[in-house]
C-alpha atoms as a PDB file:
ATOM      1  CA  MET A   1     121.860  96.032  90.477  1.00  0.00           C
ATOM      2  CA  ALA A   2     123.896  98.840  89.363  1.00  0.00           C
ATOM      3  CA  ASP A   3     121.991  99.312  85.752  1.00  0.00           C
ATOM      4  CA  CYS A   4     118.393  98.130  86.498  1.00  0.00           C
ATOM      5  CA  LEU A   5     116.285 101.126  86.090  1.00  0.00           C
ATOM      6  CA  PHE A   6     113.606  99.875  89.117  1.00  0.00           C
ATOM      7  CA  CYS A   7     116.566  99.706  91.359  1.00  0.00           C
ATOM      8  CA  LYS A   8     117.683 103.453  90.819  1.00  0.00           C
ATOM      9  CA  ILE A   9     113.857 104.494  90.945  1.00  0.00           C
ATOM     10  CA  ILE A  10     113.869 102.684  94.578  1.00  0.00           C
ATOM     11  CA  SER A  11     117.348 104.646  95.438  1.00  0.00           C
ATOM     12  CA  GLY A  12     116.148 108.040  94.343  1.00  0.00           C
ATOM     13  CA  ASP A  13     118.860 108.053  91.603  1.00  0.00           C
ATOM     14  CA  ILE A  14     116.013 108.547  89.307  1.00  0.00           C
ATOM     15  CA  PRO A  15     113.157 110.235  90.214  1.00  0.00           C
ATOM     16  CA  SER A  16     109.157 108.934  89.964  1.00  0.00           C
ATOM     17  CA  ASN A  17     105.663 109.845  91.405  1.00  0.00           C
ATOM     18  CA  LYS A  18     105.761 107.402  94.779  1.00  0.00           C
ATOM     19  CA  ILE A  19     102.254 106.638  96.270  1.00  0.00           C
ATOM     20  CA  TYR A  20     103.877 104.006  98.315  1.00  0.00           C
ATOM     21  CA  GLU A  21     106.959 102.781  99.952  1.00  0.00           C
ATOM     22  CA  ASP A  22     107.644 100.605 103.260  1.00  0.00           C
ATOM     23  CA  ASP A  23     110.990  98.113 103.720  1.00  0.00           C
ATOM     24  CA  LYS A  24     109.812  95.511 101.279  1.00  0.00           C
ATOM     25  CA  VAL A  25     108.393  97.221  98.790  1.00  0.00           C
ATOM     26  CA  TYR A  26     107.984 100.747  96.511  1.00  0.00           C
ATOM     27  CA  ALA A  27     104.659 101.598  94.277  1.00  0.00           C
ATOM     28  CA  PHE A  28     104.961 104.665  91.693  1.00  0.00           C
ATOM     29  CA  HIS A  29     102.518 106.052  88.825  1.00  0.00           C
ATOM     30  CA  ASP A  30     103.547 104.786  85.280  1.00  0.00           C
ATOM     31  CA  ILE A  31     105.295 107.233  83.288  1.00  0.00           C
ATOM     32  CA  ASP A  32     103.242 105.663  80.272  1.00  0.00           C
ATOM     33  CA  PRO A  33     100.094 104.807  81.732  1.00  0.00           C
ATOM     34  CA  LYS A  34      97.653 102.264  79.984  1.00  0.00           C
ATOM     35  CA  ALA A  35      94.475 103.450  82.191  1.00  0.00           C
ATOM     36  CA  PRO A  36      92.819 106.077  83.951  1.00  0.00           C
ATOM     37  CA  THR A  37      94.835 105.038  86.956  1.00  0.00           C
ATOM     38  CA  HIS A  38      98.136 102.469  86.376  1.00  0.00           C
ATOM     39  CA  PHE A  39     100.468 102.385  88.904  1.00  0.00           C
ATOM     40  CA  LEU A  40     103.778  99.614  89.487  1.00  0.00           C
ATOM     41  CA  VAL A  41     104.270  97.705  92.909  1.00  0.00           C
ATOM     42  CA  ILE A  42     107.740  96.487  92.953  1.00  0.00           C
ATOM     43  CA  PRO A  43     109.800  94.695  95.433  1.00  0.00           C
ATOM     44  CA  LYS A  44     112.983  96.407  96.617  1.00  0.00           C
ATOM     45  CA  GLU A  45     114.903  93.343  96.364  1.00  0.00           C
ATOM     46  CA  HIS A  46     116.278  92.941  92.904  1.00  0.00           C
ATOM     47  CA  ILE A  47     114.128  89.663  91.677  1.00  0.00           C
ATOM     48  CA  VAL A  48     114.386  89.531  87.592  1.00  0.00           C
ATOM     49  CA  SER A  49     110.764  88.275  86.939  1.00  0.00           C
ATOM     50  CA  CYS A  50     108.133  85.916  88.523  1.00  0.00           C
ATOM     51  CA  GLY A  51     109.652  83.453  86.591  1.00  0.00           C
ATOM     52  CA  GLU A  52     112.928  83.603  89.005  1.00  0.00           C
ATOM     53  CA  VAL A  53     110.691  83.929  92.650  1.00  0.00           C
ATOM     54  CA  THR A  54     112.375  81.732  94.998  1.00  0.00           C
ATOM     55  CA  GLU A  55     110.857  80.180  98.100  1.00  0.00           C
ATOM     56  CA  GLU A  56     112.786  82.568 100.169  1.00  0.00           C
ATOM     57  CA  GLN A  57     111.184  85.450  98.199  1.00  0.00           C
ATOM     58  CA  GLU A  58     107.255  83.880  98.643  1.00  0.00           C
ATOM     59  CA  ALA A  59     106.670  86.655 101.757  1.00  0.00           C
ATOM     60  CA  VAL A  60     107.677  89.625  99.741  1.00  0.00           C
ATOM     61  CA  VAL A  61     105.379  88.789  96.600  1.00  0.00           C
ATOM     62  CA  GLY A  62     102.723  87.917  99.364  1.00  0.00           C
ATOM     63  CA  HIS A  63     103.427  91.204 100.826  1.00  0.00           C
ATOM     64  CA  ILE A  64     103.404  92.991  97.539  1.00  0.00           C
ATOM     65  CA  PHE A  65      99.595  91.842  97.007  1.00  0.00           C
ATOM     66  CA  SER A  66      98.646  93.167 100.589  1.00  0.00           C
ATOM     67  CA  VAL A  67     100.025  96.144  99.052  1.00  0.00           C
ATOM     68  CA  ILE A  68      98.072  96.460  96.192  1.00  0.00           C
ATOM     69  CA  THR A  69      94.848  95.498  98.208  1.00  0.00           C
ATOM     70  CA  LYS A  70      95.910  98.218 100.496  1.00  0.00           C
ATOM     71  CA  LEU A  71      96.403 101.057  97.661  1.00  0.00           C
ATOM     72  CA  ALA A  72      93.128  99.630  95.916  1.00  0.00           C
ATOM     73  CA  LYS A  73      90.730 100.400  98.837  1.00  0.00           C
ATOM     74  CA  GLU A  74      92.201 103.743  99.665  1.00  0.00           C
ATOM     75  CA  MET A  75      92.379 104.754  95.888  1.00  0.00           C
ATOM     76  CA  ASN A  76      88.616 103.594  95.805  1.00  0.00           C
ATOM     77  CA  LEU A  77      89.553 101.403  92.641  1.00  0.00           C
ATOM     78  CA  GLY A  78      86.351  98.957  92.835  1.00  0.00           C
ATOM     79  CA  ASP A  79      87.571  96.686  89.965  1.00  0.00           C
ATOM     80  CA  PHE A  80      90.978  96.700  88.706  1.00  0.00           C
ATOM     81  CA  ARG A  81      94.230  94.771  86.740  1.00  0.00           C
ATOM     82  CA  VAL A  82      96.965  93.186  87.714  1.00  0.00           C
ATOM     83  CA  VAL A  83      99.859  92.046  85.215  1.00  0.00           C
ATOM     84  CA  SER A  84     103.210  91.042  85.682  1.00  0.00           C
ATOM     85  CA  ASN A  85     104.873  90.237  82.095  1.00  0.00           C
ATOM     86  CA  CYS A  86     107.519  87.502  82.562  1.00  0.00           C
ATOM     87  CA  GLY A  87     110.185  87.385  80.129  1.00  0.00           C
ATOM     88  CA  GLU A  88     110.817  89.672  76.648  1.00  0.00           C
ATOM     89  CA  SER A  89     108.162  87.919  74.249  1.00  0.00           C
ATOM     90  CA  ALA A  90     105.688  88.397  77.198  1.00  0.00           C
ATOM     91  CA  GLY A  91     106.444  91.896  76.637  1.00  0.00           C
ATOM     92  CA  GLN A  92     108.519  92.597  79.831  1.00  0.00           C
ATOM     93  CA  THR A  93     111.103  95.499  79.385  1.00  0.00           C
ATOM     94  CA  VAL A  94     112.407  96.067  82.563  1.00  0.00           C
ATOM     95  CA  PHE A  95     113.788  93.333  84.188  1.00  0.00           C
ATOM     96  CA  HIS A  96     113.138  93.684  87.736  1.00  0.00           C
ATOM     97  CA  LEU A  97     109.771  92.049  89.065  1.00  0.00           C
ATOM     98  CA  HIS A  98     107.062  94.615  88.984  1.00  0.00           C
ATOM     99  CA  PHE A  99     103.044  94.269  89.226  1.00  0.00           C
ATOM    100  CA  HIS A 100     100.833  96.896  86.952  1.00  0.00           C
ATOM    101  CA  VAL A 101      97.805  97.966  88.800  1.00  0.00           C
ATOM    102  CA  LEU A 102      95.325  99.290  86.376  1.00  0.00           C
ATOM    103  CA  ALA A 103      91.999 100.661  87.130  1.00  0.00           C
ATOM    104  CA  GLY A 104      89.404 103.355  86.026  1.00  0.00           C
ATOM    105  CA  ARG A 105      88.203 101.802  82.485  1.00  0.00           C
ATOM    106  CA  ASN A 106      86.927  98.395  81.142  1.00  0.00           C
ATOM    107  CA  PHE A 107      89.449  95.579  80.141  1.00  0.00           C
ATOM    108  CA  THR A 108      89.199  93.015  77.646  1.00  0.00           C
ATOM    109  CA  TRP A 109      90.176  89.156  77.355  1.00  0.00           C
ATOM    110  CA  PRO A 110      92.202  87.909  76.353  1.00  0.00           C
ATOM    111  CA  PRO A 111      94.875  91.014  76.326  1.00  0.00           C
ATOM    112  CA  GLY A 112      97.411  91.985  73.864  1.00  0.00           C
END
């Protein structure tokens, strides 16, 4: 999608601090971290949010979680939180499916 911030990051039009990339997903450090470790994992395919995932996209979402696990182990994160906001009132500001991975501090429940 031409005006999508994350699509522009994936294409290299906007720089990012990349930590992982393969043919399906891209991972990079958040520019406004909310924890000592805070990165995002996004599909290269433009999907608006978790509320828009189709059966045909199940494999890429599963792959995202495999990548999150791989990166968490490589980074020795121990406990971590994964967050995906779905819709504007839930806090989604970039309408491209993305998963925040946060670690390095204690988290409370409920959030926000």
